Amino acid sequence: MRRLMVTTFLTLDGVMQGPGGPGEDDSGGFTLGGWSVNYWDDRMREFMNQTMSVPFDLLLGRRTYEIFKGYWPNAPEEAGSKPLNDATKYVVSRARPTLDWKESVLIEGDAAEGIAALKESDGPELQVHGSGNLIQTLLRHGLVDEFRLWVFPVVIGSGKRLFADGAIPAGLKLVNNTVSTTGVAIGTYEPAGELVTGSF
């Protein structure tokens, strides 16, 4: 069985929309795209390089696929370019996007069923980057095996959130953590079953 790993950049108030630049995702009138850019340091780059150093395939929503497709095939000298370009890209979309980035495959039909079947197949781990709408589907169906949450020391106030309204209550177990020199907390979590409540 293939593990499915979600990497997401978040603000302190849980917003994941548009971290990479203005116009990346301005749906809903979002105007603060690019909030992660000024926090990157060598420790964060090293951590991302480690993520990309293992064999993996990509699982992406349409918007993230198009953002990646517009950049990575044209940036062969960038760190991470070769593994991203070489990976099989599984794309989840209700539309029929043009899949002209090499090794791209559309998951057709019911997304949750298609992803569950993909996890049962042979192959390397599946990495999800960005893809906010896709992640909501993964969360609803319990398909995530690991979260890598990069929490940036900023507050946005509005925008798409990772754990949006309707998220299923659950426990998580912290299995690794590091902090960048700029205050970005990177935590690796695994599902830990149902949320257990108590009282003081």
C-alpha atoms as a PDB file:
ATOM      1  CA  MET A   1       0.000   0.000   0.000  1.00  0.00           C
ATOM      2  CA  ARG A   2       1.263   3.465  -0.898  1.00  0.00           C
ATOM      3  CA  ARG A   3       1.478   6.155   1.772  1.00  0.00           C
ATOM      4  CA  LEU A   4      -0.180   9.468   1.016  1.00  0.00           C
ATOM      5  CA  MET A   5       1.614  12.516   2.405  1.00  0.00           C
ATOM      6  CA  VAL A   6       0.215  16.077   2.439  1.00  0.00           C
ATOM      7  CA  THR A   7       2.582  19.069   2.577  1.00  0.00           C
ATOM      8  CA  THR A   8       0.845  22.361   3.270  1.00  0.00           C
ATOM      9  CA  PHE A   9       1.953  25.915   4.049  1.00  0.00           C
ATOM     10  CA  LEU A  10      -0.289  27.544   6.668  1.00  0.00           C
ATOM     11  CA  THR A  11      -0.673  30.858   8.446  1.00  0.00           C
ATOM     12  CA  LEU A  12      -1.098  30.847  12.226  1.00  0.00           C
ATOM     13  CA  ASP A  13      -4.850  31.127  11.695  1.00  0.00           C
ATOM     14  CA  GLY A  14      -4.915  28.128   9.385  1.00  0.00           C
ATOM     15  CA  VAL A  15      -5.121  29.790   5.951  1.00  0.00           C
ATOM     16  CA  MET A  16      -3.436  27.870   3.121  1.00  0.00           C
ATOM     17  CA  GLN A  17      -4.547  30.038   0.183  1.00  0.00           C
ATOM     18  CA  GLY A  18      -2.021  31.683  -2.128  1.00  0.00           C
ATOM     19  CA  PRO A  19       1.269  31.262  -0.250  1.00  0.00           C
ATOM     20  CA  GLY A  20       3.468  31.503  -3.355  1.00  0.00           C
ATOM     21  CA  GLY A  21       2.562  34.841  -4.899  1.00  0.00           C
ATOM     22  CA  PRO A  22      -0.129  37.366  -5.888  1.00  0.00           C
ATOM     23  CA  GLY A  23      -2.608  35.868  -8.310  1.00  0.00           C
ATOM     24  CA  GLU A  24      -1.724  32.278  -7.377  1.00  0.00           C
ATOM     25  CA  ASP A  25      -5.245  31.851  -6.012  1.00  0.00           C
ATOM     26  CA  ASP A  26      -7.338  35.001  -5.781  1.00  0.00           C
ATOM     27  CA  SER A  27     -10.685  33.207  -5.622  1.00  0.00           C
ATOM     28  CA  GLY A  28     -13.139  34.701  -3.155  1.00  0.00           C
ATOM     29  CA  GLY A  29     -11.448  38.081  -3.536  1.00  0.00           C
ATOM     30  CA  PHE A  30      -8.262  36.935  -1.776  1.00  0.00           C
ATOM     31  CA  THR A  31      -5.626  39.691  -2.106  1.00  0.00           C
ATOM     32  CA  LEU A  32      -2.767  38.582   0.162  1.00  0.00           C
ATOM     33  CA  GLY A  33      -1.085  35.995  -2.049  1.00  0.00           C
ATOM     34  CA  GLY A  34       2.640  35.565  -1.474  1.00  0.00           C
ATOM     35  CA  TRP A  35       2.582  35.606   2.327  1.00  0.00           C
ATOM     36  CA  SER A  36       5.164  32.771   2.652  1.00  0.00           C
ATOM     37  CA  VAL A  37       7.844  34.142   0.336  1.00  0.00           C
ATOM     38  CA  ASN A  38       9.866  36.325   2.720  1.00  0.00           C
ATOM     39  CA  TYR A  39      10.272  33.613   5.362  1.00  0.00           C
ATOM     40  CA  TRP A  40      12.316  31.060   3.413  1.00  0.00           C
ATOM     41  CA  ASP A  41      15.743  30.119   4.741  1.00  0.00           C
ATOM     42  CA  ASP A  42      18.313  27.376   4.159  1.00  0.00           C
ATOM     43  CA  ARG A  43      16.780  25.090   6.794  1.00  0.00           C
ATOM     44  CA  MET A  44      13.430  25.159   4.994  1.00  0.00           C
ATOM     45  CA  ARG A  45      15.055  24.509   1.626  1.00  0.00           C
ATOM     46  CA  GLU A  46      16.951  21.558   3.119  1.00  0.00           C
ATOM     47  CA  PHE A  47      13.755  20.109   4.570  1.00  0.00           C
ATOM     48  CA  MET A  48      11.967  20.435   1.225  1.00  0.00           C
ATOM     49  CA  ASN A  49      14.923  18.833  -0.559  1.00  0.00           C
ATOM     50  CA  GLN A  50      14.684  15.886   1.860  1.00  0.00           C
ATOM     51  CA  THR A  51      10.994  15.553   1.009  1.00  0.00           C
ATOM     52  CA  MET A  52      11.882  15.434  -2.687  1.00  0.00           C
ATOM     53  CA  SER A  53      14.842  13.056  -2.254  1.00  0.00           C
ATOM     54  CA  VAL A  54      12.725   9.904  -1.847  1.00  0.00           C
ATOM     55  CA  PRO A  55      10.896   8.228  -4.742  1.00  0.00           C
ATOM     56  CA  PHE A  56       7.422   9.748  -5.065  1.00  0.00           C
ATOM     57  CA  ASP A  57       4.508  10.429  -7.362  1.00  0.00           C
ATOM     58  CA  LEU A  58       2.396  13.574  -7.198  1.00  0.00           C
ATOM     59  CA  LEU A  59      -1.318  13.798  -6.489  1.00  0.00           C
ATOM     60  CA  LEU A  60      -2.578  17.253  -7.428  1.00  0.00           C
ATOM     61  CA  GLY A  61      -5.739  19.253  -7.883  1.00  0.00           C
ATOM     62  CA  ARG A  62      -6.223  21.029 -11.212  1.00  0.00           C
ATOM     63  CA  ARG A  63      -5.181  24.523 -10.081  1.00  0.00           C
ATOM     64  CA  THR A  64      -1.972  23.329  -8.403  1.00  0.00           C
ATOM     65  CA  TYR A  65      -1.199  21.122 -11.398  1.00  0.00           C
ATOM     66  CA  GLU A  66      -1.463  24.118 -13.710  1.00  0.00           C
ATOM     67  CA  ILE A  67       0.744  26.266 -11.432  1.00  0.00           C
ATOM     68  CA  PHE A  68       3.397  23.522 -11.254  1.00  0.00           C
ATOM     69  CA  LYS A  69       3.143  22.807 -14.992  1.00  0.00           C
ATOM     70  CA  GLY A  70       3.674  26.462 -15.777  1.00  0.00           C
ATOM     71  CA  TYR A  71       6.919  26.597 -13.801  1.00  0.00           C
ATOM     72  CA  TRP A  72       8.794  23.335 -13.226  1.00  0.00           C
ATOM     73  CA  PRO A  73       9.271  22.111 -16.825  1.00  0.00           C
ATOM     74  CA  ASN A  74      10.881  25.496 -17.563  1.00  0.00           C
ATOM     75  CA  ALA A  75      13.200  25.569 -14.537  1.00  0.00           C
ATOM     76  CA  PRO A  76      15.580  22.616 -15.016  1.00  0.00           C
ATOM     77  CA  GLU A  77      18.323  24.167 -12.860  1.00  0.00           C
ATOM     78  CA  GLU A  78      16.101  24.655  -9.807  1.00  0.00           C
ATOM     79  CA  ALA A  79      16.503  22.279  -6.871  1.00  0.00           C
ATOM     80  CA  GLY A  80      13.625  19.805  -6.946  1.00  0.00           C
ATOM     81  CA  SER A  81      12.995  20.250 -10.660  1.00  0.00           C
ATOM     82  CA  LYS A  82      14.138  16.794 -11.804  1.00  0.00           C
ATOM     83  CA  PRO A  83      12.129  14.736  -9.275  1.00  0.00           C
ATOM     84  CA  LEU A  84       9.003  16.821  -9.916  1.00  0.00           C
ATOM     85  CA  ASN A  85       9.339  16.545 -13.677  1.00  0.00           C
ATOM     86  CA  ASP A  86      10.112  12.808 -13.513  1.00  0.00           C
ATOM     87  CA  ALA A  87       7.280  11.919 -11.114  1.00  0.00           C
ATOM     88  CA  THR A  88       3.981  10.586 -12.350  1.00  0.00           C
ATOM     89  CA  LYS A  89       1.418  13.342 -11.834  1.00  0.00           C
ATOM     90  CA  TYR A  90      -2.066  12.103 -10.876  1.00  0.00           C
ATOM     91  CA  VAL A  91      -4.548  14.952 -11.384  1.00  0.00           C
ATOM     92  CA  VAL A  92      -7.959  15.164  -9.746  1.00  0.00           C
ATOM     93  CA  SER A  93     -10.396  17.425 -11.577  1.00  0.00           C
ATOM     94  CA  ARG A  94     -14.098  17.506 -12.404  1.00  0.00           C
ATOM     95  CA  ALA A  95     -13.153  19.191 -15.687  1.00  0.00           C
ATOM     96  CA  ARG A  96     -10.906  17.718 -18.366  1.00  0.00           C
ATOM     97  CA  PRO A  97      -7.696  19.790 -18.114  1.00  0.00           C
ATOM     98  CA  THR A  98      -4.964  19.617 -20.722  1.00  0.00           C
ATOM     99  CA  LEU A  99      -2.411  17.205 -19.276  1.00  0.00           C
ATOM    100  CA  ASP A 100       0.647  18.064 -21.335  1.00  0.00           C
ATOM    101  CA  TRP A 101       3.264  17.843 -18.576  1.00  0.00           C
ATOM    102  CA  LYS A 102       5.011  14.511 -19.060  1.00  0.00           C
ATOM    103  CA  GLU A 103       3.810  11.541 -17.022  1.00  0.00           C
ATOM    104  CA  SER A 104       0.413  13.121 -16.214  1.00  0.00           C
ATOM    105  CA  VAL A 105      -2.670  10.974 -15.595  1.00  0.00           C
ATOM    106  CA  LEU A 106      -6.256  12.114 -14.950  1.00  0.00           C
ATOM    107  CA  ILE A 107      -8.137  10.366 -12.137  1.00  0.00           C
ATOM    108  CA  GLU A 108     -11.611   9.960 -13.582  1.00  0.00           C
ATOM    109  CA  GLY A 109     -14.894   9.186 -11.878  1.00  0.00           C
ATOM    110  CA  ASP A 110     -15.301   9.417  -8.109  1.00  0.00           C
ATOM    111  CA  ALA A 111     -12.153  11.096  -6.751  1.00  0.00           C
ATOM    112  CA  ALA A 112     -12.120   9.342  -3.361  1.00  0.00           C
ATOM    113  CA  GLU A 113     -12.589   5.911  -4.928  1.00  0.00           C
ATOM    114  CA  GLY A 114      -9.897   6.600  -7.523  1.00  0.00           C
ATOM    115  CA  ILE A 115      -7.402   7.770  -4.903  1.00  0.00           C
ATOM    116  CA  ALA A 116      -8.163   4.833  -2.607  1.00  0.00           C
ATOM    117  CA  ALA A 117      -7.490   2.463  -5.520  1.00  0.00           C
ATOM    118  CA  LEU A 118      -4.293   4.341  -6.342  1.00  0.00           C
ATOM    119  CA  LYS A 119      -3.094   3.896  -2.761  1.00  0.00           C
ATOM    120  CA  GLU A 120      -3.632   0.145  -3.092  1.00  0.00           C
ATOM    121  CA  SER A 121      -1.477  -0.035  -6.229  1.00  0.00           C
ATOM    122  CA  ASP A 122       2.275  -0.609  -6.414  1.00  0.00           C
ATOM    123  CA  GLY A 123       4.510   2.433  -6.510  1.00  0.00           C
ATOM    124  CA  PRO A 124       6.263   5.089  -4.446  1.00  0.00           C
ATOM    125  CA  GLU A 125       4.632   7.361  -1.890  1.00  0.00           C
ATOM    126  CA  LEU A 126       2.059   9.873  -3.068  1.00  0.00           C
ATOM    127  CA  GLN A 127       2.810  13.519  -2.283  1.00  0.00           C
ATOM    128  CA  VAL A 128       0.169  16.243  -2.236  1.00  0.00           C
ATOM    129  CA  HIS A 129       1.336  19.870  -2.358  1.00  0.00           C
ATOM    130  CA  GLY A 130      -1.135  22.744  -2.173  1.00  0.00           C
ATOM    131  CA  SER A 131      -4.374  21.469  -3.745  1.00  0.00           C
ATOM    132  CA  GLY A 132      -6.736  22.799  -1.081  1.00  0.00           C
ATOM    133  CA  ASN A 133      -9.971  21.444  -2.582  1.00  0.00           C
ATOM    134  CA  LEU A 134      -8.410  18.026  -3.124  1.00  0.00           C
ATOM    135  CA  ILE A 135      -7.195  17.918   0.484  1.00  0.00           C
ATOM    136  CA  GLN A 136     -10.767  18.461   1.716  1.00  0.00           C
ATOM    137  CA  THR A 137     -11.774  15.297  -0.161  1.00  0.00           C
ATOM    138  CA  LEU A 138      -8.819  13.389   1.315  1.00  0.00           C
ATOM    139  CA  LEU A 139      -9.729  14.515   4.841  1.00  0.00           C
ATOM    140  CA  ARG A 140     -13.404  13.579   4.502  1.00  0.00           C
ATOM    141  CA  HIS A 141     -12.461  10.050   3.436  1.00  0.00           C
ATOM    142  CA  GLY A 142      -9.547   9.420   5.812  1.00  0.00           C
ATOM    143  CA  LEU A 143      -7.011   9.000   2.996  1.00  0.00           C
ATOM    144  CA  VAL A 144      -4.065  10.969   4.481  1.00  0.00           C
ATOM    145  CA  ASP A 145      -1.254   8.964   6.118  1.00  0.00           C
ATOM    146  CA  GLU A 146       0.992  11.897   7.016  1.00  0.00           C
ATOM    147  CA  PHE A 147       0.739  15.686   7.281  1.00  0.00           C
ATOM    148  CA  ARG A 148       3.740  17.978   6.947  1.00  0.00           C
ATOM    149  CA  LEU A 149       2.417  21.307   8.149  1.00  0.00           C
ATOM    150  CA  TRP A 150       4.577  24.412   7.677  1.00  0.00           C
ATOM    151  CA  VAL A 151       3.135  27.067   9.969  1.00  0.00           C
ATOM    152  CA  PHE A 152       4.300  30.588   9.141  1.00  0.00           C
ATOM    153  CA  PRO A 153       4.239  33.370  11.758  1.00  0.00           C
ATOM    154  CA  VAL A 154       1.589  35.453   9.975  1.00  0.00           C
ATOM    155  CA  VAL A 155      -2.143  36.004  10.432  1.00  0.00           C
ATOM    156  CA  ILE A 156      -4.331  36.536   7.352  1.00  0.00           C
ATOM    157  CA  GLY A 157      -7.853  36.651   8.770  1.00  0.00           C
ATOM    158  CA  SER A 158      -9.679  35.181   5.779  1.00  0.00           C
ATOM    159  CA  GLY A 159      -9.088  32.680   3.005  1.00  0.00           C
ATOM    160  CA  LYS A 160      -9.222  28.955   2.373  1.00  0.00           C
ATOM    161  CA  ARG A 161      -8.266  26.929   5.431  1.00  0.00           C
ATOM    162  CA  LEU A 162      -6.726  23.473   5.631  1.00  0.00           C
ATOM    163  CA  PHE A 163      -9.133  22.261   8.306  1.00  0.00           C
ATOM    164  CA  ALA A 164     -12.244  24.023   7.107  1.00  0.00           C
ATOM    165  CA  ASP A 165     -15.784  23.863   8.470  1.00  0.00           C
ATOM    166  CA  GLY A 166     -16.913  20.264   8.350  1.00  0.00           C
ATOM    167  CA  ALA A 167     -13.497  18.762   9.098  1.00  0.00           C
ATOM    168  CA  ILE A 168     -13.893  15.439  10.911  1.00  0.00           C
ATOM    169  CA  PRO A 169     -12.637  15.628  14.522  1.00  0.00           C
ATOM    170  CA  ALA A 170      -9.540  13.442  14.923  1.00  0.00           C
ATOM    171  CA  GLY A 171      -6.340  13.085  16.908  1.00  0.00           C
ATOM    172  CA  LEU A 172      -2.882  13.523  15.403  1.00  0.00           C
ATOM    173  CA  LYS A 173       0.521  12.333  16.626  1.00  0.00           C
ATOM    174  CA  LEU A 174       3.586  14.579  16.212  1.00  0.00           C
ATOM    175  CA  VAL A 175       6.438  12.434  14.846  1.00  0.00           C
ATOM    176  CA  ASN A 176       8.962  15.118  13.858  1.00  0.00           C
ATOM    177  CA  ASN A 177       9.370  18.864  14.176  1.00  0.00           C
ATOM    178  CA  THR A 178      11.813  21.628  13.336  1.00  0.00           C
ATOM    179  CA  VAL A 179      11.771  25.422  13.332  1.00  0.00           C
ATOM    180  CA  SER A 180      13.389  27.673  10.737  1.00  0.00           C
ATOM    181  CA  THR A 181      15.507  30.681  11.610  1.00  0.00           C
ATOM    182  CA  THR A 182      12.555  32.823  10.510  1.00  0.00           C
ATOM    183  CA  GLY A 183      10.089  31.190  12.905  1.00  0.00           C
ATOM    184  CA  VAL A 184       8.380  28.752  10.560  1.00  0.00           C
ATOM    185  CA  ALA A 185       7.372  25.654  12.548  1.00  0.00           C
ATOM    186  CA  ILE A 186       7.422  22.458  10.454  1.00  0.00           C
ATOM    187  CA  GLY A 187       5.595  19.600  12.121  1.00  0.00           C
ATOM    188  CA  THR A 188       5.125  16.085  10.765  1.00  0.00           C
ATOM    189  CA  TYR A 189       1.962  14.422  12.029  1.00  0.00           C
ATOM    190  CA  GLU A 190       0.304  11.043  11.586  1.00  0.00           C
ATOM    191  CA  PRO A 191      -3.365  10.237  12.209  1.00  0.00           C
ATOM    192  CA  ALA A 192      -3.911   8.933  15.756  1.00  0.00           C
ATOM    193  CA  GLY A 193      -7.525   7.795  15.672  1.00  0.00           C
ATOM    194  CA  GLU A 194     -10.602   9.437  17.051  1.00  0.00           C
ATOM    195  CA  LEU A 195     -10.417  12.608  19.125  1.00  0.00           C
ATOM    196  CA  VAL A 196     -10.447  11.720  22.825  1.00  0.00           C
ATOM    197  CA  THR A 197     -11.954  14.347  25.097  1.00  0.00           C
ATOM    198  CA  GLY A 198     -11.735  14.689  28.861  1.00  0.00           C
ATOM    199  CA  SER A 199     -12.245  17.112  31.722  1.00  0.00           C
ATOM    200  CA  PHE A 200     -10.041  18.884  34.244  1.00  0.00           C
END
